[in-house]
Amino acid sequence: MNKYSELANSVTFTKRKSVIAQIHQDPSLEYIGKGRSAVVFKIWGANKALKVFYPGYTNVAREEAAIYNVLQNSPYYPTLYEAGRNYLVIDLIEGHTLFECLAKGIRVSSDKIKEIDVALNLAREKGLNPSDIHLRNIFITKEGKIKLIDVARFRQAKDCSQWGDLKSAFYKYYSRTFFPKRIPVLILNLIAALYKKNIIPLTKKRTPKSVVFFLC
């Protein structure tokens, strides 16, 4: 058993009413955050992150590993160092997600939007179909570079309009001088929830007159 698999095996989840209530891990792991299918930790002493998937999500782990392998050597995606049945080891990305930029009032420039387009087009050139692109999956690193994570849905068949919606709202609203650059997290989450329920869909026929850029 190697180092990374041992660390992944040290992670256990305690459930309460089908919800993850507590996470236990090896002391050399520092909890970073969790999503719909996994929990992410910083590995002390290494510039790497360990992503451990919840029980029942091993298929997602396998799919994400396969997609990261396709994207290897790209400057816009983390390097995959190892993958197991329920875990991935990738670059530790230090910086702010676009969601955090909006919550903290860190201005996002049009150059960053163009760079994200380049990153997504690179994935398309490799035969992928970038999907589920939201603000928590896009980082601006400490060096000012763009990094995209959570690529498990980059091979789904259907077209995803989410990034197009975000980009449209950026140019139509956020880029204007008078538009607020800092928005409370509560409002960001509310807008995201409404968007997911198609209550404020962004289409060419209907563009909401609110802060629709702040989707997550």
Protein backbone atom coordinates (compact mmCIF):
# COMPACT_ATOMS: atom_id res chain seq x y z
CA MET A 1 0.00 0.00 0.00
CA ASN A 2 1.58 3.35 -1.02
CA LYS A 3 1.53 6.67 0.78
CA TYR A 4 -1.40 8.23 -1.06
CA SER A 5 -3.65 5.19 -0.83
CA GLU A 6 -2.93 5.00 2.90
CA LEU A 7 -3.92 8.63 3.29
CA ALA A 8 -7.10 8.07 1.28
CA ASN A 9 -7.96 5.02 3.39
CA SER A 10 -7.56 7.12 6.55
CA VAL A 11 -10.51 9.26 5.51
CA THR A 12 -13.83 8.07 6.94
CA PHE A 13 -17.25 9.63 6.90
CA THR A 14 -19.87 9.62 9.64
CA LYS A 15 -23.41 10.00 8.35
CA ARG A 16 -26.43 11.40 10.13
CA LYS A 17 -29.78 11.10 8.35
CA SER A 18 -27.98 10.39 5.05
CA VAL A 19 -25.90 13.57 5.35
CA ILE A 20 -22.15 13.65 5.96
CA ALA A 21 -21.94 14.86 9.56
CA GLN A 22 -18.26 14.36 10.34
CA ILE A 23 -15.03 13.63 8.50
CA HIS A 24 -12.04 11.89 10.03
CA GLN A 25 -8.59 11.88 8.40
CA ASP A 26 -4.88 11.32 8.94
CA PRO A 27 -3.16 14.22 10.82
CA SER A 28 -1.03 14.94 7.75
CA LEU A 29 -4.17 15.98 5.86
CA GLU A 30 -5.72 19.42 6.18
CA TYR A 31 -9.39 19.73 5.24
CA ILE A 32 -9.98 22.24 2.43
CA GLY A 33 -13.59 21.71 1.43
CA LYS A 34 -16.25 19.36 0.12
CA GLY A 35 -18.54 19.11 -2.87
CA ARG A 36 -21.34 16.94 -4.17
CA SER A 37 -19.20 13.85 -4.61
CA ALA A 38 -15.92 14.29 -2.71
CA VAL A 39 -13.86 15.95 0.00
CA VAL A 40 -10.54 17.69 -0.68
CA PHE A 41 -7.52 17.88 1.61
CA LYS A 42 -4.12 19.56 1.51
CA ILE A 43 -1.29 17.06 1.95
CA TRP A 44 1.20 18.54 4.39
CA GLY A 45 4.76 18.60 3.15
CA ALA A 46 3.75 18.38 -0.49
CA ASN A 47 2.28 20.87 -2.93
CA LYS A 48 -0.53 18.44 -3.64
CA ALA A 49 -4.19 17.93 -2.84
CA LEU A 50 -5.98 14.67 -2.09
CA LYS A 51 -9.54 14.35 -3.34
CA VAL A 52 -11.43 11.51 -1.66
CA PHE A 53 -14.79 10.52 -3.09
CA TYR A 54 -17.76 9.52 -0.98
CA PRO A 55 -18.86 5.87 -0.90
CA GLY A 56 -20.89 5.18 -4.03
CA TYR A 57 -18.98 7.69 -6.19
CA THR A 58 -16.12 5.50 -7.37
CA ASN A 59 -17.44 5.80 -10.93
CA VAL A 60 -17.03 9.59 -10.71
CA ALA A 61 -13.47 9.14 -9.41
CA ARG A 62 -12.64 6.87 -12.34
CA GLU A 63 -14.18 9.27 -14.87
CA GLU A 64 -12.45 12.34 -13.49
CA ALA A 65 -9.09 10.57 -13.46
CA ALA A 66 -9.54 9.57 -17.10
CA ILE A 67 -10.33 13.15 -18.10
CA TYR A 68 -7.38 14.60 -16.18
CA ASN A 69 -5.18 12.14 -18.06
CA VAL A 70 -6.47 13.58 -21.34
CA LEU A 71 -5.70 17.09 -20.08
CA GLN A 72 -2.18 16.35 -18.78
CA ASN A 73 0.50 18.91 -19.63
CA SER A 74 -2.07 21.68 -20.02
CA PRO A 75 -1.26 24.87 -18.09
CA TYR A 76 -4.94 25.37 -17.28
CA TYR A 77 -5.68 22.12 -15.43
CA PRO A 78 -4.05 20.42 -12.43
CA THR A 79 -1.54 17.63 -12.97
CA LEU A 80 -2.84 14.21 -11.92
CA TYR A 81 -0.16 12.39 -9.92
CA GLU A 82 -2.09 9.30 -8.86
CA ALA A 83 -5.58 7.87 -8.95
CA GLY A 84 -7.13 5.05 -6.93
CA ARG A 85 -10.53 3.49 -6.61
CA ASN A 86 -11.89 6.41 -4.59
CA TYR A 87 -9.26 9.14 -4.71
CA LEU A 88 -7.17 11.46 -6.87
CA VAL A 89 -3.91 13.26 -6.10
CA ILE A 90 -3.55 16.51 -8.01
CA ASP A 91 -1.76 19.87 -7.78
CA LEU A 92 -2.70 22.00 -4.80
CA ILE A 93 -4.06 25.22 -6.28
CA GLU A 94 -3.57 28.31 -4.15
CA GLY A 95 -5.53 31.41 -5.01
CA HIS A 96 -9.18 32.42 -5.23
CA THR A 97 -12.09 30.87 -7.07
CA LEU A 98 -14.20 33.26 -9.11
CA PHE A 99 -16.89 32.80 -6.47
CA GLU A 100 -14.45 34.00 -3.79
CA CYS A 101 -13.40 36.91 -5.98
CA LEU A 102 -16.99 38.08 -6.14
CA ALA A 103 -17.57 37.54 -2.42
CA LYS A 104 -14.38 39.42 -1.50
CA GLY A 105 -14.66 42.16 -4.10
CA ILE A 106 -11.57 41.07 -6.07
CA ARG A 107 -12.05 42.41 -9.57
CA VAL A 108 -12.17 39.88 -12.42
CA SER A 109 -10.81 41.30 -15.68
CA SER A 110 -11.93 40.52 -19.21
CA ASP A 111 -8.48 39.02 -19.83
CA LYS A 112 -9.31 36.28 -17.32
CA ILE A 113 -12.57 35.54 -19.10
CA LYS A 114 -10.69 35.20 -22.39
CA GLU A 115 -8.14 32.93 -20.72
CA ILE A 116 -10.94 30.67 -19.46
CA ASP A 117 -12.24 30.47 -23.03
CA VAL A 118 -8.77 29.36 -24.17
CA ALA A 119 -8.71 26.67 -21.47
CA LEU A 120 -12.13 25.34 -22.46
CA ASN A 121 -11.29 25.38 -26.17
CA LEU A 122 -8.13 23.41 -25.44
CA ALA A 123 -10.29 20.73 -23.80
CA ARG A 124 -12.60 20.69 -26.82
CA GLU A 125 -9.62 20.23 -29.13
CA LYS A 126 -8.84 17.08 -27.17
CA GLY A 127 -12.30 15.70 -27.87
CA LEU A 128 -13.92 16.72 -24.59
CA ASN A 129 -17.17 18.60 -23.99
CA PRO A 130 -16.63 20.97 -21.05
CA SER A 131 -19.70 21.01 -18.82
CA ASP A 132 -20.69 22.08 -15.31
CA ILE A 133 -18.51 25.21 -15.53
CA HIS A 134 -19.30 27.34 -12.50
CA LEU A 135 -17.54 29.88 -10.34
CA ARG A 136 -16.30 27.49 -7.68
CA ASN A 137 -14.51 25.39 -10.32
CA ILE A 138 -12.41 28.24 -11.72
CA PHE A 139 -9.37 29.59 -9.88
CA ILE A 140 -7.21 32.65 -10.31
CA THR A 141 -3.93 31.52 -8.75
CA LYS A 142 -1.59 33.62 -6.63
CA GLU A 143 0.45 34.11 -9.80
CA GLY A 144 -2.61 35.41 -11.65
CA LYS A 145 -3.08 32.31 -13.80
CA ILE A 146 -6.34 30.49 -14.58
CA LYS A 147 -6.87 26.91 -13.37
CA LEU A 148 -9.99 24.78 -13.82
CA ILE A 149 -10.86 21.83 -11.58
CA ASP A 150 -13.65 19.24 -11.16
CA VAL A 151 -13.69 18.00 -14.74
CA ALA A 152 -15.74 14.83 -14.21
CA ARG A 153 -18.50 16.05 -16.54
CA PHE A 154 -16.24 17.04 -19.42
CA ARG A 155 -17.33 14.02 -21.48
CA GLN A 156 -21.09 14.27 -21.12
CA ALA A 157 -22.99 14.30 -24.39
CA LYS A 158 -25.37 17.19 -23.89
CA ASP A 159 -24.31 20.79 -24.43
CA CYS A 160 -23.93 22.92 -21.32
CA SER A 161 -24.77 26.63 -21.59
CA GLN A 162 -23.57 27.57 -18.12
CA TRP A 163 -20.25 29.12 -19.11
CA GLY A 164 -21.87 30.95 -22.02
CA ASP A 165 -24.44 32.37 -19.60
CA LEU A 166 -21.74 33.49 -17.18
CA LYS A 167 -19.69 35.10 -19.92
CA SER A 168 -22.72 36.88 -21.38
CA ALA A 169 -23.62 38.36 -18.00
CA PHE A 170 -20.00 39.36 -17.37
CA TYR A 171 -19.87 41.54 -20.47
CA LYS A 172 -23.41 42.86 -20.19
CA TYR A 173 -23.45 43.67 -16.47
CA TYR A 174 -20.34 42.97 -14.40
CA SER A 175 -17.91 44.81 -16.68
CA ARG A 176 -19.85 48.06 -16.32
CA THR A 177 -18.25 50.63 -14.03
CA PHE A 178 -21.30 51.11 -11.82
CA PHE A 179 -21.94 47.41 -11.28
CA PRO A 180 -21.00 46.17 -7.75
CA LYS A 181 -17.88 44.04 -7.61
CA ARG A 182 -18.51 42.67 -4.12
CA ILE A 183 -21.66 40.66 -3.42
CA PRO A 184 -22.61 38.90 -0.13
CA VAL A 185 -22.29 35.11 -0.20
CA LEU A 186 -25.97 34.77 0.75
CA ILE A 187 -27.00 36.59 -2.42
CA LEU A 188 -24.56 34.63 -4.57
CA ASN A 189 -25.97 31.34 -3.31
CA LEU A 190 -29.55 32.55 -3.80
CA ILE A 191 -28.89 33.51 -7.41
CA ALA A 192 -27.17 30.17 -8.03
CA ALA A 193 -30.17 28.29 -6.62
CA LEU A 194 -32.60 30.25 -8.78
CA TYR A 195 -30.46 29.66 -11.86
CA LYS A 196 -30.30 25.92 -11.24
CA LYS A 197 -34.10 25.85 -11.02
CA ASN A 198 -34.33 27.78 -14.34
CA ILE A 199 -36.11 30.62 -12.60
CA ILE A 200 -33.57 33.10 -13.98
CA PRO A 201 -32.28 31.33 -17.11
CA LEU A 202 -29.90 33.19 -19.34
CA THR A 203 -30.84 32.91 -22.97
CA LYS A 204 -30.74 35.20 -25.98
CA LYS A 205 -34.49 35.67 -25.63
CA ARG A 206 -34.51 36.30 -21.90
CA THR A 207 -31.75 37.88 -19.85
CA PRO A 208 -32.59 38.67 -16.22
CA LYS A 209 -32.19 42.24 -15.04
CA SER A 210 -30.36 41.20 -11.89
CA VAL A 211 -26.86 40.18 -10.84
CA VAL A 212 -26.89 37.04 -12.93
CA PHE A 213 -23.12 36.94 -13.32
CA PHE A 214 -22.81 35.68 -9.79
CA LEU A 215 -23.84 32.11 -10.56
CA CYS A 216 -21.96 29.35 -8.82
